[in-house]
Amino acid sequence: MKKDIHPKEYRPVVFVDNSNGTQFLISSTIKTKETVKFTDGKEYPAFHVEISSSSHPFYTNQEKSLDSAGRVEKFKSRQSKADVKKTA
């Protein structure tokens, strides 16, 4: 393994989800200005994120699925109406 290739400021950072307050402790080199107390009682640098896996609809099974069959049927009906107008 090569020496001295990793950043010096690699440390544990708490990422705080702004939408629901969930906290994740992850090692990072991101620059932070504030600190927060984590669940283990220790104080870590904190970085706030707008959305994370705890609040994103894809990961929370809250995602909205579009009715693709209904959309296809609407398209086909519009297309058939346009074809009728062309032949008329």
N, C-alpha and C. Protein backbone atom coordinates (compact mmCIF):
# COMPACT_ATOMS: atom_id res chain seq x y z
N MET A 1 0.85 -1.18 0.00
CA MET A 1 0.00 0.00 0.00
C MET A 1 0.90 1.24 0.00
N LYS A 2 0.50 2.25 -0.78
CA LYS A 2 1.29 3.47 -0.86
C LYS A 2 1.09 4.31 0.40
N LYS A 3 2.16 4.98 0.82
CA LYS A 3 2.09 5.82 2.01
C LYS A 3 1.77 7.26 1.61
N ASP A 4 1.16 7.98 2.52
CA ASP A 4 0.88 9.41 2.39
C ASP A 4 0.01 9.77 1.17
N ILE A 5 -0.92 8.90 0.80
CA ILE A 5 -1.83 9.25 -0.30
C ILE A 5 -3.22 9.61 0.21
N HIS A 6 -3.50 9.30 1.47
CA HIS A 6 -4.82 9.60 2.02
C HIS A 6 -4.84 10.99 2.65
N PRO A 7 -5.98 11.67 2.61
CA PRO A 7 -6.08 13.00 3.21
C PRO A 7 -5.84 12.96 4.72
N LYS A 8 -5.25 14.00 5.24
CA LYS A 8 -4.94 14.07 6.67
C LYS A 8 -6.19 14.33 7.51
N GLU A 9 -7.17 15.04 6.95
CA GLU A 9 -8.36 15.43 7.73
C GLU A 9 -9.50 14.41 7.64
N TYR A 10 -9.19 13.15 7.38
CA TYR A 10 -10.19 12.08 7.34
C TYR A 10 -10.59 11.75 8.77
N ARG A 11 -11.87 11.99 9.11
CA ARG A 11 -12.33 11.82 10.49
C ARG A 11 -13.81 11.47 10.50
N PRO A 12 -14.36 11.00 11.63
CA PRO A 12 -15.79 10.72 11.72
C PRO A 12 -16.59 12.02 11.71
N VAL A 13 -17.65 12.05 10.91
CA VAL A 13 -18.52 13.22 10.81
C VAL A 13 -19.96 12.74 10.92
N VAL A 14 -20.80 13.50 11.63
CA VAL A 14 -22.22 13.18 11.74
C VAL A 14 -22.95 13.94 10.65
N PHE A 15 -23.65 13.19 9.78
CA PHE A 15 -24.50 13.78 8.76
C PHE A 15 -25.92 13.80 9.31
N VAL A 16 -26.52 14.99 9.36
CA VAL A 16 -27.84 15.17 9.93
C VAL A 16 -28.83 15.44 8.81
N ASP A 17 -29.89 14.64 8.72
CA ASP A 17 -30.94 14.83 7.73
C ASP A 17 -31.86 15.95 8.20
N ASN A 18 -31.96 17.04 7.43
CA ASN A 18 -32.78 18.18 7.83
C ASN A 18 -34.26 17.88 7.83
N SER A 19 -34.73 16.94 7.02
CA SER A 19 -36.16 16.69 6.93
C SER A 19 -36.73 15.90 8.10
N ASN A 20 -35.93 15.00 8.70
CA ASN A 20 -36.47 14.23 9.82
C ASN A 20 -35.53 14.11 11.02
N GLY A 21 -34.34 14.69 10.94
CA GLY A 21 -33.43 14.71 12.07
C GLY A 21 -32.59 13.47 12.28
N THR A 22 -32.67 12.51 11.39
CA THR A 22 -31.86 11.29 11.51
C THR A 22 -30.39 11.63 11.38
N GLN A 23 -29.56 10.94 12.18
CA GLN A 23 -28.12 11.20 12.17
C GLN A 23 -27.37 9.95 11.75
N PHE A 24 -26.33 10.15 10.90
CA PHE A 24 -25.47 9.07 10.46
C PHE A 24 -24.03 9.43 10.78
N LEU A 25 -23.30 8.53 11.39
CA LEU A 25 -21.88 8.76 11.68
C LEU A 25 -21.06 8.06 10.61
N ILE A 26 -20.37 8.87 9.78
CA ILE A 26 -19.62 8.35 8.64
C ILE A 26 -18.26 9.04 8.61
N SER A 27 -17.23 8.34 8.25
CA SER A 27 -15.92 8.96 8.09
C SER A 27 -15.91 9.79 6.81
N SER A 28 -15.37 11.00 6.89
CA SER A 28 -15.39 11.91 5.76
C SER A 28 -14.30 12.97 5.89
N THR A 29 -14.04 13.66 4.79
CA THR A 29 -13.09 14.78 4.79
C THR A 29 -13.82 16.10 4.59
N ILE A 30 -15.14 16.10 4.63
CA ILE A 30 -15.92 17.31 4.39
C ILE A 30 -15.65 18.35 5.46
N LYS A 31 -15.60 19.61 5.05
CA LYS A 31 -15.35 20.69 6.00
C LYS A 31 -16.66 21.06 6.70
N THR A 32 -16.59 21.22 8.02
CA THR A 32 -17.78 21.53 8.82
C THR A 32 -17.49 22.73 9.72
N LYS A 33 -18.57 23.40 10.15
CA LYS A 33 -18.43 24.56 11.03
C LYS A 33 -19.05 24.34 12.39
N GLU A 34 -19.83 23.29 12.55
CA GLU A 34 -20.49 23.07 13.83
C GLU A 34 -20.28 21.64 14.29
N THR A 35 -20.61 21.39 15.55
CA THR A 35 -20.50 20.05 16.12
C THR A 35 -21.84 19.66 16.71
N VAL A 36 -22.01 18.36 16.89
CA VAL A 36 -23.25 17.85 17.46
C VAL A 36 -22.91 16.63 18.31
N LYS A 37 -23.70 16.39 19.33
CA LYS A 37 -23.51 15.22 20.18
C LYS A 37 -24.24 14.03 19.54
N PHE A 38 -23.52 12.95 19.32
CA PHE A 38 -24.09 11.76 18.70
C PHE A 38 -24.67 10.85 19.77
N THR A 39 -25.33 9.78 19.38
CA THR A 39 -26.00 8.88 20.34
C THR A 39 -25.03 8.18 21.28
N ASP A 40 -23.75 8.10 20.92
CA ASP A 40 -22.78 7.46 21.81
C ASP A 40 -22.26 8.41 22.88
N GLY A 41 -22.76 9.67 22.88
CA GLY A 41 -22.38 10.64 23.89
C GLY A 41 -21.18 11.50 23.52
N LYS A 42 -20.49 11.15 22.45
CA LYS A 42 -19.34 11.93 22.03
C LYS A 42 -19.78 13.05 21.09
N GLU A 43 -18.94 14.10 21.01
CA GLU A 43 -19.23 15.23 20.14
C GLU A 43 -18.41 15.10 18.86
N TYR A 44 -19.10 15.24 17.71
CA TYR A 44 -18.48 15.11 16.40
C TYR A 44 -18.80 16.32 15.55
N PRO A 45 -18.00 16.58 14.51
CA PRO A 45 -18.35 17.63 13.55
C PRO A 45 -19.66 17.22 12.85
N ALA A 46 -20.49 18.20 12.52
CA ALA A 46 -21.79 17.91 11.92
C ALA A 46 -21.91 18.56 10.56
N PHE A 47 -22.59 17.86 9.65
CA PHE A 47 -22.89 18.40 8.32
C PHE A 47 -24.36 18.09 8.04
N HIS A 48 -25.12 19.11 7.64
CA HIS A 48 -26.56 18.95 7.38
C HIS A 48 -26.82 18.67 5.91
N VAL A 49 -27.66 17.68 5.65
CA VAL A 49 -28.06 17.32 4.29
C VAL A 49 -29.57 17.48 4.16
N GLU A 50 -30.04 17.79 2.96
CA GLU A 50 -31.47 18.01 2.73
C GLU A 50 -32.26 16.70 2.73
N ILE A 51 -31.68 15.66 2.18
CA ILE A 51 -32.39 14.39 2.08
C ILE A 51 -31.38 13.25 2.21
N SER A 52 -31.82 12.16 2.81
CA SER A 52 -30.95 10.99 2.98
C SER A 52 -31.79 9.73 2.75
N SER A 53 -31.18 8.59 2.96
CA SER A 53 -31.91 7.34 2.77
C SER A 53 -33.06 7.18 3.77
N SER A 54 -33.01 7.89 4.89
CA SER A 54 -34.10 7.77 5.87
C SER A 54 -35.31 8.61 5.51
N SER A 55 -35.17 9.54 4.56
CA SER A 55 -36.31 10.37 4.19
C SER A 55 -36.63 10.34 2.70
N HIS A 56 -35.79 9.73 1.88
CA HIS A 56 -36.03 9.69 0.44
C HIS A 56 -37.16 8.69 0.13
N PRO A 57 -38.12 9.08 -0.70
CA PRO A 57 -39.27 8.21 -0.98
C PRO A 57 -38.90 6.84 -1.55
N PHE A 58 -37.83 6.74 -2.30
CA PHE A 58 -37.44 5.44 -2.85
C PHE A 58 -37.07 4.46 -1.74
N TYR A 59 -36.35 4.90 -0.73
CA TYR A 59 -35.89 4.03 0.35
C TYR A 59 -36.94 3.80 1.42
N THR A 60 -37.92 4.69 1.52
CA THR A 60 -38.95 4.55 2.55
C THR A 60 -40.23 3.91 2.02
N ASN A 61 -40.21 3.43 0.78
CA ASN A 61 -41.37 2.82 0.13
C ASN A 61 -42.56 3.76 0.07
N GLN A 62 -42.32 5.04 -0.06
CA GLN A 62 -43.37 6.03 -0.17
C GLN A 62 -43.45 6.59 -1.60
N GLU A 63 -42.67 6.00 -2.51
CA GLU A 63 -42.62 6.55 -3.86
C GLU A 63 -43.95 6.38 -4.57
N LYS A 64 -44.23 7.32 -5.46
CA LYS A 64 -45.47 7.30 -6.23
C LYS A 64 -45.17 6.70 -7.59
N SER A 65 -45.91 5.67 -7.95
CA SER A 65 -45.71 5.07 -9.25
C SER A 65 -46.76 5.62 -10.21
N LEU A 66 -46.30 5.94 -11.39
CA LEU A 66 -47.21 6.47 -12.39
C LEU A 66 -47.97 5.33 -13.05
N ASP A 67 -49.17 5.62 -13.44
CA ASP A 67 -49.99 4.63 -14.12
C ASP A 67 -49.58 4.60 -15.58
N SER A 68 -48.57 3.80 -15.90
CA SER A 68 -48.03 3.80 -17.26
C SER A 68 -49.03 3.22 -18.25
N ALA A 69 -49.83 2.24 -17.83
CA ALA A 69 -50.81 1.67 -18.75
C ALA A 69 -51.85 2.72 -19.11
N GLY A 70 -52.28 3.50 -18.16
CA GLY A 70 -53.25 4.55 -18.44
C GLY A 70 -52.68 5.61 -19.35
N ARG A 71 -51.41 5.92 -19.20
CA ARG A 71 -50.76 6.92 -20.03
C ARG A 71 -50.64 6.40 -21.47
N VAL A 72 -50.34 5.13 -21.61
CA VAL A 72 -50.22 4.54 -22.94
C VAL A 72 -51.57 4.56 -23.64
N GLU A 73 -52.61 4.22 -22.92
CA GLU A 73 -53.96 4.22 -23.50
C GLU A 73 -54.37 5.63 -23.93
N LYS A 74 -54.05 6.63 -23.15
CA LYS A 74 -54.36 8.01 -23.52
C LYS A 74 -53.63 8.40 -24.79
N PHE A 75 -52.35 8.00 -24.88
CA PHE A 75 -51.57 8.31 -26.07
C PHE A 75 -52.17 7.65 -27.31
N LYS A 76 -52.53 6.38 -27.17
CA LYS A 76 -53.10 5.66 -28.32
C LYS A 76 -54.43 6.27 -28.76
N SER A 77 -55.24 6.71 -27.81
CA SER A 77 -56.52 7.33 -28.18
C SER A 77 -56.28 8.67 -28.89
N ARG A 78 -55.33 9.45 -28.44
CA ARG A 78 -55.02 10.71 -29.12
C ARG A 78 -54.46 10.44 -30.51
N GLN A 79 -53.62 9.42 -30.62
CA GLN A 79 -53.03 9.08 -31.91
C GLN A 79 -54.10 8.62 -32.89
N SER A 80 -55.05 7.82 -32.41
CA SER A 80 -56.11 7.34 -33.32
C SER A 80 -57.00 8.50 -33.76
N LYS A 81 -57.25 9.48 -32.87
CA LYS A 81 -58.03 10.66 -33.24
C LYS A 81 -57.28 11.48 -34.29
N ALA A 82 -55.97 11.59 -34.15
CA ALA A 82 -55.17 12.34 -35.12
C ALA A 82 -55.15 11.62 -36.46
N ASP A 83 -55.10 10.29 -36.45
CA ASP A 83 -55.13 9.51 -37.70
C ASP A 83 -56.47 9.67 -38.41
N VAL A 84 -57.54 9.72 -37.64
CA VAL A 84 -58.89 9.90 -38.24
C VAL A 84 -58.97 11.26 -38.90
N LYS A 85 -58.43 12.30 -38.27
CA LYS A 85 -58.45 13.65 -38.84
C LYS A 85 -57.63 13.72 -40.12
N LYS A 86 -56.51 12.97 -40.19
CA LYS A 86 -55.65 12.98 -41.37
C LYS A 86 -56.38 12.36 -42.57
N THR A 87 -57.11 11.28 -42.33
CA THR A 87 -57.78 10.59 -43.42
C THR A 87 -59.05 11.31 -43.84
N ALA A 88 -59.60 12.13 -42.99
CA ALA A 88 -60.85 12.81 -43.31
C ALA A 88 -60.65 14.04 -44.17
